[in-house]
Amino acid sequence: MTTRTLRRTHIGHSKSVEALMVHITWTSAKVVRIEARQDFTMAAHTVKVLRDEYTVLADAPVSVKVGQVLYFVESDGFPGYYYVLNYNEARFAFTCSCPKNYHFHKQCDHQQHALTFVGSRYSRRVEIEHKIMPEWELHVEDDLRQAEQEREYDNLVNAA
């Protein structure tokens, strides 16, 4: 009688451990927000995230369109590398490029960081607008105009 043994195949790692990340050296902030003023290609990387070990696998250029808003949340275990988040209007939630969210559709900490960032930014803007005295308006005119434009943009996006 012959016994059969299974041969181990080296097919590589699972796609479920891959994440899309961006290497940012110009800031050390936990969350970064950008809005594209023109079309461009962003240099991103495919990174294997396995048991808190990070390995850059390949470059992955990403096309970003005019007006697109992206959020980047810093990785806890890979300094200088940020996960890419996009706000999804249909789900009223952020989508993250980390394996937990992207492959398994589970809520991740990065989404919570981005949500906190957006909430604090909005509340700060409202707080500043209500505290401005008329004699100071000239000094903060640009900030007020920016806040008004953001509010109009938010209303247009919510109406669509």
N, C-alpha and C. Protein backbone atom coordinates (compact mmCIF):
# COMPACT_ATOMS: atom_id res chain seq x y z
N MET A 1 0.84 -1.16 0.00
CA MET A 1 0.00 0.00 0.00
C MET A 1 0.90 1.24 0.00
N THR A 2 0.57 2.16 -0.85
CA THR A 2 1.35 3.40 -0.92
C THR A 2 0.64 4.49 -0.15
N THR A 3 1.43 5.31 0.50
CA THR A 3 0.84 6.44 1.22
C THR A 3 1.12 7.71 0.42
N ARG A 4 0.17 8.55 0.40
CA ARG A 4 0.31 9.81 -0.33
C ARG A 4 0.53 10.94 0.67
N THR A 5 1.44 11.78 0.33
CA THR A 5 1.65 12.96 1.16
C THR A 5 1.35 14.19 0.33
N LEU A 6 0.81 15.15 1.00
CA LEU A 6 0.51 16.39 0.29
C LEU A 6 1.78 17.21 0.13
N ARG A 7 1.96 17.73 -1.04
CA ARG A 7 3.11 18.59 -1.28
C ARG A 7 2.73 20.01 -0.95
N ARG A 8 3.60 20.69 -0.30
CA ARG A 8 3.35 22.08 0.04
C ARG A 8 3.59 22.93 -1.21
N THR A 9 2.62 23.75 -1.54
CA THR A 9 2.77 24.64 -2.69
C THR A 9 3.07 26.04 -2.19
N HIS A 10 3.98 26.69 -2.82
CA HIS A 10 4.35 28.05 -2.45
C HIS A 10 3.65 29.03 -3.39
N ILE A 11 2.39 29.30 -3.06
CA ILE A 11 1.60 30.17 -3.94
C ILE A 11 1.65 31.62 -3.51
N GLY A 12 2.36 31.90 -2.42
CA GLY A 12 2.48 33.29 -1.98
C GLY A 12 1.47 33.62 -0.90
N HIS A 13 1.43 34.88 -0.55
CA HIS A 13 0.53 35.34 0.52
C HIS A 13 -0.87 35.60 -0.04
N SER A 14 -1.81 35.65 0.87
CA SER A 14 -3.20 35.91 0.51
C SER A 14 -3.38 37.40 0.22
N LYS A 15 -4.27 37.72 -0.69
CA LYS A 15 -4.59 39.13 -0.99
C LYS A 15 -5.28 39.79 0.20
N SER A 16 -5.82 38.98 1.11
CA SER A 16 -6.53 39.55 2.25
C SER A 16 -5.61 40.19 3.28
N VAL A 17 -4.29 40.07 3.11
CA VAL A 17 -3.36 40.73 4.02
C VAL A 17 -2.69 41.94 3.37
N GLU A 18 -3.16 42.32 2.18
CA GLU A 18 -2.58 43.46 1.48
C GLU A 18 -3.35 44.75 1.77
N ALA A 19 -2.62 45.85 1.84
CA ALA A 19 -3.22 47.16 2.06
C ALA A 19 -2.60 48.15 1.09
N LEU A 20 -3.37 49.17 0.74
CA LEU A 20 -2.86 50.26 -0.07
C LEU A 20 -2.43 51.36 0.88
N MET A 21 -1.15 51.75 0.80
CA MET A 21 -0.63 52.76 1.72
C MET A 21 0.17 53.80 0.95
N VAL A 22 0.28 54.98 1.56
CA VAL A 22 1.03 56.09 0.98
C VAL A 22 2.13 56.47 1.97
N HIS A 23 3.32 56.68 1.45
CA HIS A 23 4.44 57.11 2.31
C HIS A 23 4.47 58.64 2.31
N ILE A 24 4.26 59.25 3.49
CA ILE A 24 4.23 60.70 3.62
C ILE A 24 5.34 61.12 4.57
N THR A 25 6.21 62.00 4.08
CA THR A 25 7.33 62.47 4.89
C THR A 25 7.19 63.92 5.31
N TRP A 26 6.21 64.64 4.77
CA TRP A 26 6.10 66.07 5.02
C TRP A 26 5.26 66.43 6.24
N THR A 27 4.74 65.43 6.95
CA THR A 27 3.99 65.71 8.17
C THR A 27 4.07 64.52 9.11
N SER A 28 3.78 64.77 10.36
CA SER A 28 3.71 63.68 11.33
C SER A 28 2.32 63.60 11.95
N ALA A 29 1.36 64.27 11.32
CA ALA A 29 -0.03 64.28 11.83
C ALA A 29 -0.63 62.88 11.74
N LYS A 30 -1.55 62.58 12.65
CA LYS A 30 -2.22 61.28 12.66
C LYS A 30 -3.18 61.15 11.47
N VAL A 31 -3.88 62.25 11.13
CA VAL A 31 -4.83 62.25 10.01
C VAL A 31 -4.51 63.45 9.10
N VAL A 32 -4.52 63.20 7.79
CA VAL A 32 -4.25 64.24 6.80
C VAL A 32 -5.41 64.25 5.81
N ARG A 33 -5.87 65.44 5.44
CA ARG A 33 -6.94 65.58 4.45
C ARG A 33 -6.40 66.34 3.25
N ILE A 34 -6.66 65.84 2.04
CA ILE A 34 -6.29 66.58 0.84
C ILE A 34 -7.50 66.67 -0.07
N GLU A 35 -7.55 67.74 -0.85
CA GLU A 35 -8.56 67.89 -1.89
C GLU A 35 -7.83 68.19 -3.18
N ALA A 36 -8.07 67.41 -4.20
CA ALA A 36 -7.36 67.55 -5.46
C ALA A 36 -7.85 68.78 -6.22
N ARG A 37 -6.93 69.66 -6.56
CA ARG A 37 -7.25 70.85 -7.35
C ARG A 37 -7.07 70.59 -8.84
N GLN A 38 -6.40 69.49 -9.15
CA GLN A 38 -6.22 69.06 -10.54
C GLN A 38 -6.03 67.55 -10.55
N ASP A 39 -6.19 66.93 -11.71
CA ASP A 39 -5.97 65.49 -11.83
C ASP A 39 -4.49 65.20 -11.61
N PHE A 40 -4.20 64.13 -10.89
CA PHE A 40 -2.81 63.73 -10.71
C PHE A 40 -2.75 62.25 -10.36
N THR A 41 -1.55 61.72 -10.44
CA THR A 41 -1.33 60.32 -10.08
C THR A 41 -0.56 60.29 -8.77
N MET A 42 -1.13 59.62 -7.80
CA MET A 42 -0.54 59.54 -6.47
C MET A 42 0.32 58.27 -6.39
N ALA A 43 1.52 58.42 -5.84
CA ALA A 43 2.41 57.28 -5.66
C ALA A 43 2.03 56.54 -4.38
N ALA A 44 1.44 55.38 -4.54
CA ALA A 44 1.04 54.56 -3.40
C ALA A 44 1.79 53.24 -3.46
N HIS A 45 1.65 52.44 -2.42
CA HIS A 45 2.34 51.16 -2.35
C HIS A 45 1.39 50.08 -1.85
N THR A 46 1.57 48.89 -2.38
CA THR A 46 0.87 47.73 -1.85
C THR A 46 1.75 47.17 -0.75
N VAL A 47 1.17 47.04 0.44
CA VAL A 47 1.94 46.62 1.62
C VAL A 47 1.29 45.37 2.21
N LYS A 48 2.13 44.39 2.54
CA LYS A 48 1.63 43.18 3.21
C LYS A 48 1.64 43.46 4.72
N VAL A 49 0.46 43.32 5.34
CA VAL A 49 0.31 43.55 6.78
C VAL A 49 -0.05 42.20 7.40
N LEU A 50 0.91 41.61 8.09
CA LEU A 50 0.70 40.29 8.66
C LEU A 50 1.29 40.25 10.06
N ARG A 51 0.43 40.10 11.07
CA ARG A 51 0.85 40.02 12.48
C ARG A 51 1.77 41.17 12.85
N ASP A 52 1.35 42.37 12.56
CA ASP A 52 2.11 43.59 12.86
C ASP A 52 3.47 43.66 12.19
N GLU A 53 3.66 42.92 11.13
CA GLU A 53 4.86 43.03 10.30
C GLU A 53 4.42 43.62 8.97
N TYR A 54 5.16 44.63 8.51
CA TYR A 54 4.82 45.34 7.30
C TYR A 54 5.92 45.13 6.26
N THR A 55 5.51 44.77 5.04
CA THR A 55 6.45 44.58 3.95
C THR A 55 5.90 45.27 2.71
N VAL A 56 6.68 46.22 2.17
CA VAL A 56 6.27 46.90 0.94
C VAL A 56 6.46 45.92 -0.21
N LEU A 57 5.37 45.65 -0.95
CA LEU A 57 5.41 44.67 -2.02
C LEU A 57 5.66 45.30 -3.39
N ALA A 58 4.92 46.35 -3.70
CA ALA A 58 5.02 46.94 -5.04
C ALA A 58 4.49 48.37 -5.03
N ASP A 59 4.91 49.12 -6.04
CA ASP A 59 4.36 50.45 -6.23
C ASP A 59 2.99 50.31 -6.89
N ALA A 60 2.06 51.16 -6.48
CA ALA A 60 0.70 51.10 -7.03
C ALA A 60 0.22 52.53 -7.28
N PRO A 61 0.48 53.07 -8.46
CA PRO A 61 0.01 54.44 -8.74
C PRO A 61 -1.51 54.51 -8.74
N VAL A 62 -2.03 55.59 -8.15
CA VAL A 62 -3.48 55.78 -8.03
C VAL A 62 -3.86 57.09 -8.70
N SER A 63 -4.86 57.06 -9.58
CA SER A 63 -5.33 58.27 -10.25
C SER A 63 -6.32 59.00 -9.34
N VAL A 64 -6.08 60.29 -9.14
CA VAL A 64 -6.95 61.12 -8.32
C VAL A 64 -7.53 62.20 -9.22
N LYS A 65 -8.83 62.39 -9.16
CA LYS A 65 -9.54 63.34 -10.01
C LYS A 65 -9.76 64.67 -9.30
N VAL A 66 -10.00 65.71 -10.09
CA VAL A 66 -10.26 67.04 -9.55
C VAL A 66 -11.45 67.01 -8.59
N GLY A 67 -11.29 67.65 -7.43
CA GLY A 67 -12.38 67.72 -6.46
C GLY A 67 -12.47 66.54 -5.53
N GLN A 68 -11.72 65.48 -5.80
CA GLN A 68 -11.78 64.31 -4.94
C GLN A 68 -11.09 64.62 -3.61
N VAL A 69 -11.72 64.22 -2.53
CA VAL A 69 -11.17 64.45 -1.19
C VAL A 69 -10.72 63.10 -0.63
N LEU A 70 -9.46 63.06 -0.22
CA LEU A 70 -8.90 61.84 0.37
C LEU A 70 -8.42 62.14 1.77
N TYR A 71 -8.52 61.15 2.61
CA TYR A 71 -8.01 61.24 3.97
C TYR A 71 -6.94 60.17 4.13
N PHE A 72 -5.90 60.50 4.86
CA PHE A 72 -4.83 59.55 5.14
C PHE A 72 -4.71 59.42 6.64
N VAL A 73 -4.71 58.18 7.14
CA VAL A 73 -4.57 57.92 8.58
C VAL A 73 -3.30 57.11 8.78
N GLU A 74 -2.45 57.61 9.68
CA GLU A 74 -1.15 56.98 9.90
C GLU A 74 -1.29 55.58 10.48
N SER A 75 -0.43 54.68 10.01
CA SER A 75 -0.38 53.33 10.54
C SER A 75 0.26 53.35 11.92
N ASP A 76 -0.27 52.54 12.82
CA ASP A 76 0.29 52.47 14.16
C ASP A 76 1.63 51.74 14.19
N GLY A 77 1.81 50.77 13.31
CA GLY A 77 3.02 49.96 13.35
C GLY A 77 4.02 50.22 12.26
N PHE A 78 3.72 51.13 11.34
CA PHE A 78 4.61 51.39 10.20
C PHE A 78 4.76 52.89 10.05
N PRO A 79 5.69 53.50 10.79
CA PRO A 79 5.82 54.97 10.81
C PRO A 79 6.05 55.56 9.43
N GLY A 80 5.37 56.67 9.16
CA GLY A 80 5.51 57.36 7.88
C GLY A 80 4.59 56.85 6.79
N TYR A 81 3.92 55.74 7.02
CA TYR A 81 3.00 55.18 6.03
C TYR A 81 1.58 55.38 6.51
N TYR A 82 0.72 55.75 5.57
CA TYR A 82 -0.67 56.12 5.86
C TYR A 82 -1.63 55.28 5.03
N TYR A 83 -2.71 54.85 5.66
CA TYR A 83 -3.80 54.18 4.94
C TYR A 83 -4.61 55.24 4.20
N VAL A 84 -5.18 54.88 3.07
CA VAL A 84 -5.97 55.79 2.25
C VAL A 84 -7.44 55.58 2.55
N LEU A 85 -8.15 56.69 2.87
CA LEU A 85 -9.57 56.61 3.16
C LEU A 85 -10.33 57.54 2.23
N ASN A 86 -11.52 57.12 1.87
CA ASN A 86 -12.39 57.90 1.00
C ASN A 86 -13.78 57.89 1.64
N TYR A 87 -14.45 59.04 1.62
CA TYR A 87 -15.79 59.08 2.19
C TYR A 87 -16.79 58.59 1.16
N ASN A 88 -17.61 57.62 1.54
CA ASN A 88 -18.60 57.03 0.66
C ASN A 88 -19.97 57.62 1.01
N GLU A 89 -20.51 58.43 0.12
CA GLU A 89 -21.80 59.09 0.35
C GLU A 89 -22.95 58.09 0.48
N ALA A 90 -22.91 57.02 -0.30
CA ALA A 90 -24.01 56.06 -0.30
C ALA A 90 -24.11 55.34 1.05
N ARG A 91 -22.99 55.08 1.69
CA ARG A 91 -22.98 54.37 2.96
C ARG A 91 -22.85 55.30 4.16
N PHE A 92 -22.65 56.58 3.91
CA PHE A 92 -22.42 57.56 4.98
C PHE A 92 -21.29 57.09 5.90
N ALA A 93 -20.21 56.63 5.27
CA ALA A 93 -19.08 56.10 6.05
C ALA A 93 -17.80 56.21 5.23
N PHE A 94 -16.69 56.07 5.92
CA PHE A 94 -15.40 56.04 5.26
C PHE A 94 -15.09 54.62 4.81
N THR A 95 -14.43 54.50 3.68
CA THR A 95 -13.88 53.22 3.26
C THR A 95 -12.37 53.33 3.43
N CYS A 96 -11.78 52.32 4.00
CA CYS A 96 -10.34 52.33 4.31
C CYS A 96 -9.64 51.28 3.46
N SER A 97 -8.37 51.50 3.21
CA SER A 97 -7.60 50.56 2.40
C SER A 97 -6.88 49.51 3.24
N CYS A 98 -7.18 49.44 4.54
CA CYS A 98 -6.54 48.43 5.38
C CYS A 98 -7.21 47.07 5.14
N PRO A 99 -6.51 45.98 5.42
CA PRO A 99 -7.10 44.65 5.16
C PRO A 99 -8.40 44.39 5.91
N LYS A 100 -8.50 44.85 7.14
CA LYS A 100 -9.70 44.60 7.95
C LYS A 100 -10.95 45.17 7.29
N ASN A 101 -10.85 46.39 6.76
CA ASN A 101 -12.00 47.04 6.15
C ASN A 101 -12.15 46.65 4.69
N TYR A 102 -11.07 46.69 3.94
CA TYR A 102 -11.14 46.50 2.49
C TYR A 102 -11.55 45.07 2.11
N HIS A 103 -11.00 44.09 2.81
CA HIS A 103 -11.28 42.71 2.43
C HIS A 103 -12.39 42.06 3.25
N PHE A 104 -12.52 42.49 4.51
CA PHE A 104 -13.49 41.83 5.38
C PHE A 104 -14.67 42.72 5.74
N HIS A 105 -14.67 43.96 5.26
CA HIS A 105 -15.78 44.92 5.45
C HIS A 105 -16.16 45.11 6.92
N LYS A 106 -15.14 45.19 7.75
CA LYS A 106 -15.36 45.43 9.18
C LYS A 106 -14.92 46.85 9.52
N GLN A 107 -15.52 47.40 10.56
CA GLN A 107 -15.16 48.74 11.02
C GLN A 107 -13.72 48.70 11.55
N CYS A 108 -12.90 49.66 11.12
CA CYS A 108 -11.52 49.70 11.59
C CYS A 108 -11.26 51.00 12.37
N ASP A 109 -10.17 51.02 13.11
CA ASP A 109 -9.81 52.19 13.90
C ASP A 109 -9.51 53.40 13.02
N HIS A 110 -9.01 53.15 11.82
CA HIS A 110 -8.65 54.26 10.93
C HIS A 110 -9.89 55.08 10.55
N GLN A 111 -11.00 54.39 10.33
CA GLN A 111 -12.24 55.09 10.01
C GLN A 111 -12.67 55.97 11.18
N GLN A 112 -12.50 55.47 12.39
CA GLN A 112 -12.88 56.24 13.57
C GLN A 112 -11.99 57.47 13.73
N HIS A 113 -10.68 57.33 13.44
CA HIS A 113 -9.78 58.48 13.50
C HIS A 113 -10.19 59.55 12.48
N ALA A 114 -10.53 59.12 11.27
CA ALA A 114 -10.95 60.07 10.24
C ALA A 114 -12.25 60.75 10.62
N LEU A 115 -13.18 60.01 11.17
CA LEU A 115 -14.46 60.57 11.60
C LEU A 115 -14.27 61.59 12.72
N THR A 116 -13.40 61.29 13.65
CA THR A 116 -13.09 62.23 14.74
C THR A 116 -12.45 63.49 14.18
N PHE A 117 -11.54 63.31 13.21
CA PHE A 117 -10.87 64.45 12.57
C PHE A 117 -11.88 65.36 11.89
N VAL A 118 -12.79 64.79 11.11
CA VAL A 118 -13.79 65.57 10.40
C VAL A 118 -14.73 66.26 11.39
N GLY A 119 -15.15 65.55 12.42
CA GLY A 119 -16.04 66.13 13.43
C GLY A 119 -15.40 67.28 14.16
N SER A 120 -14.15 67.14 14.56
CA SER A 120 -13.48 68.23 15.28
C SER A 120 -13.23 69.41 14.37
N ARG A 121 -12.92 69.13 13.12
CA ARG A 121 -12.69 70.22 12.16
C ARG A 121 -13.97 71.03 11.95
N TYR A 122 -15.09 70.33 11.81
CA TYR A 122 -16.37 71.00 11.59
C TYR A 122 -16.78 71.79 12.83
N SER A 123 -16.63 71.19 14.01
CA SER A 123 -17.04 71.88 15.23
C SER A 123 -16.15 73.10 15.50
N ARG A 124 -14.86 73.00 15.16
CA ARG A 124 -13.95 74.14 15.32
C ARG A 124 -14.37 75.28 14.40
N ARG A 125 -14.76 74.93 13.17
CA ARG A 125 -15.18 75.94 12.20
C ARG A 125 -16.42 76.67 12.68
N VAL A 126 -17.40 75.93 13.18
CA VAL A 126 -18.63 76.54 13.68
C VAL A 126 -18.34 77.40 14.89
N GLU A 127 -17.50 76.92 15.79
CA GLU A 127 -17.15 77.66 17.00
C GLU A 127 -16.47 78.98 16.65
N ILE A 128 -15.56 78.96 15.70
CA ILE A 128 -14.85 80.18 15.29
C ILE A 128 -15.82 81.18 14.69
N GLU A 129 -16.73 80.72 13.85
CA GLU A 129 -17.67 81.63 13.18
C GLU A 129 -18.56 82.35 14.19
N HIS A 130 -18.93 81.68 15.28
CA HIS A 130 -19.83 82.28 16.26
C HIS A 130 -19.12 83.23 17.23
N LYS A 131 -17.82 83.11 17.37
CA LYS A 131 -17.08 83.93 18.32
C LYS A 131 -16.51 85.22 17.72
N ILE A 132 -16.63 85.40 16.43
CA ILE A 132 -15.99 86.55 15.77
C ILE A 132 -16.80 87.82 16.01
N MET A 133 -16.11 88.81 16.50
CA MET A 133 -16.70 90.13 16.71
C MET A 133 -16.67 90.90 15.39
N PRO A 134 -17.61 91.82 15.16
CA PRO A 134 -17.65 92.56 13.90
C PRO A 134 -16.36 93.31 13.59
N GLU A 135 -15.68 93.84 14.59
CA GLU A 135 -14.45 94.61 14.33
C GLU A 135 -13.29 93.69 13.93
N TRP A 136 -13.39 92.39 14.19
CA TRP A 136 -12.33 91.46 13.82
C TRP A 136 -12.57 90.81 12.46
N GLU A 137 -13.74 91.04 11.90
CA GLU A 137 -14.11 90.39 10.66
C GLU A 137 -13.13 90.63 9.52
N LEU A 138 -12.58 91.85 9.45
CA LEU A 138 -11.62 92.16 8.39
C LEU A 138 -10.37 91.28 8.50
N HIS A 139 -9.95 90.95 9.71
CA HIS A 139 -8.74 90.18 9.91
C HIS A 139 -8.91 88.70 9.57
N VAL A 140 -10.11 88.23 9.65
CA VAL A 140 -10.35 86.81 9.39
C VAL A 140 -11.27 86.60 8.19
N GLU A 141 -11.29 87.54 7.31
CA GLU A 141 -12.19 87.49 6.16
C GLU A 141 -11.94 86.26 5.29
N ASP A 142 -10.67 85.93 5.06
CA ASP A 142 -10.36 84.77 4.23
C ASP A 142 -10.86 83.47 4.87
N ASP A 143 -10.67 83.35 6.19
CA ASP A 143 -11.13 82.15 6.88
C ASP A 143 -12.66 82.02 6.80
N LEU A 144 -13.35 83.14 6.95
CA LEU A 144 -14.81 83.12 6.86
C LEU A 144 -15.27 82.73 5.47
N ARG A 145 -14.59 83.27 4.45
CA ARG A 145 -14.96 82.93 3.07
C ARG A 145 -14.72 81.44 2.81
N GLN A 146 -13.61 80.91 3.31
CA GLN A 146 -13.32 79.49 3.15
C GLN A 146 -14.38 78.64 3.85
N ALA A 147 -14.77 79.02 5.06
CA ALA A 147 -15.79 78.28 5.81
C ALA A 147 -17.12 78.32 5.06
N GLU A 148 -17.46 79.47 4.50
CA GLU A 148 -18.72 79.58 3.75
C GLU A 148 -18.69 78.70 2.51
N GLN A 149 -17.55 78.67 1.80
CA GLN A 149 -17.43 77.83 0.62
C GLN A 149 -17.55 76.35 0.99
N GLU A 150 -16.92 75.95 2.10
CA GLU A 150 -17.02 74.56 2.54
C GLU A 150 -18.45 74.20 2.89
N ARG A 151 -19.16 75.12 3.55
CA ARG A 151 -20.54 74.87 3.91
C ARG A 151 -21.41 74.74 2.67
N GLU A 152 -21.19 75.60 1.66
CA GLU A 152 -21.95 75.50 0.41
C GLU A 152 -21.64 74.20 -0.29
N TYR A 153 -20.36 73.80 -0.30
CA TYR A 153 -19.99 72.54 -0.93
C TYR A 153 -20.65 71.37 -0.21
N ASP A 154 -20.64 71.39 1.14
CA ASP A 154 -21.29 70.34 1.92
C ASP A 154 -22.78 70.27 1.60
N ASN A 155 -23.44 71.43 1.46
CA ASN A 155 -24.87 71.46 1.12
C ASN A 155 -25.13 70.92 -0.26
N LEU A 156 -24.23 71.22 -1.23
CA LEU A 156 -24.39 70.70 -2.59
C LEU A 156 -24.22 69.20 -2.61
N VAL A 157 -23.21 68.71 -1.89
CA VAL A 157 -22.96 67.27 -1.86
C VAL A 157 -24.13 66.55 -1.19
N ASN A 158 -24.65 67.10 -0.10
CA ASN A 158 -25.76 66.46 0.59
C ASN A 158 -27.04 66.50 -0.22
N ALA A 159 -27.21 67.52 -1.06
CA ALA A 159 -28.42 67.64 -1.86
C ALA A 159 -28.39 66.69 -3.05
N ALA A 160 -27.20 66.34 -3.52
CA ALA A 160 -27.07 65.48 -4.72
C ALA A 160 -27.40 64.05 -4.43
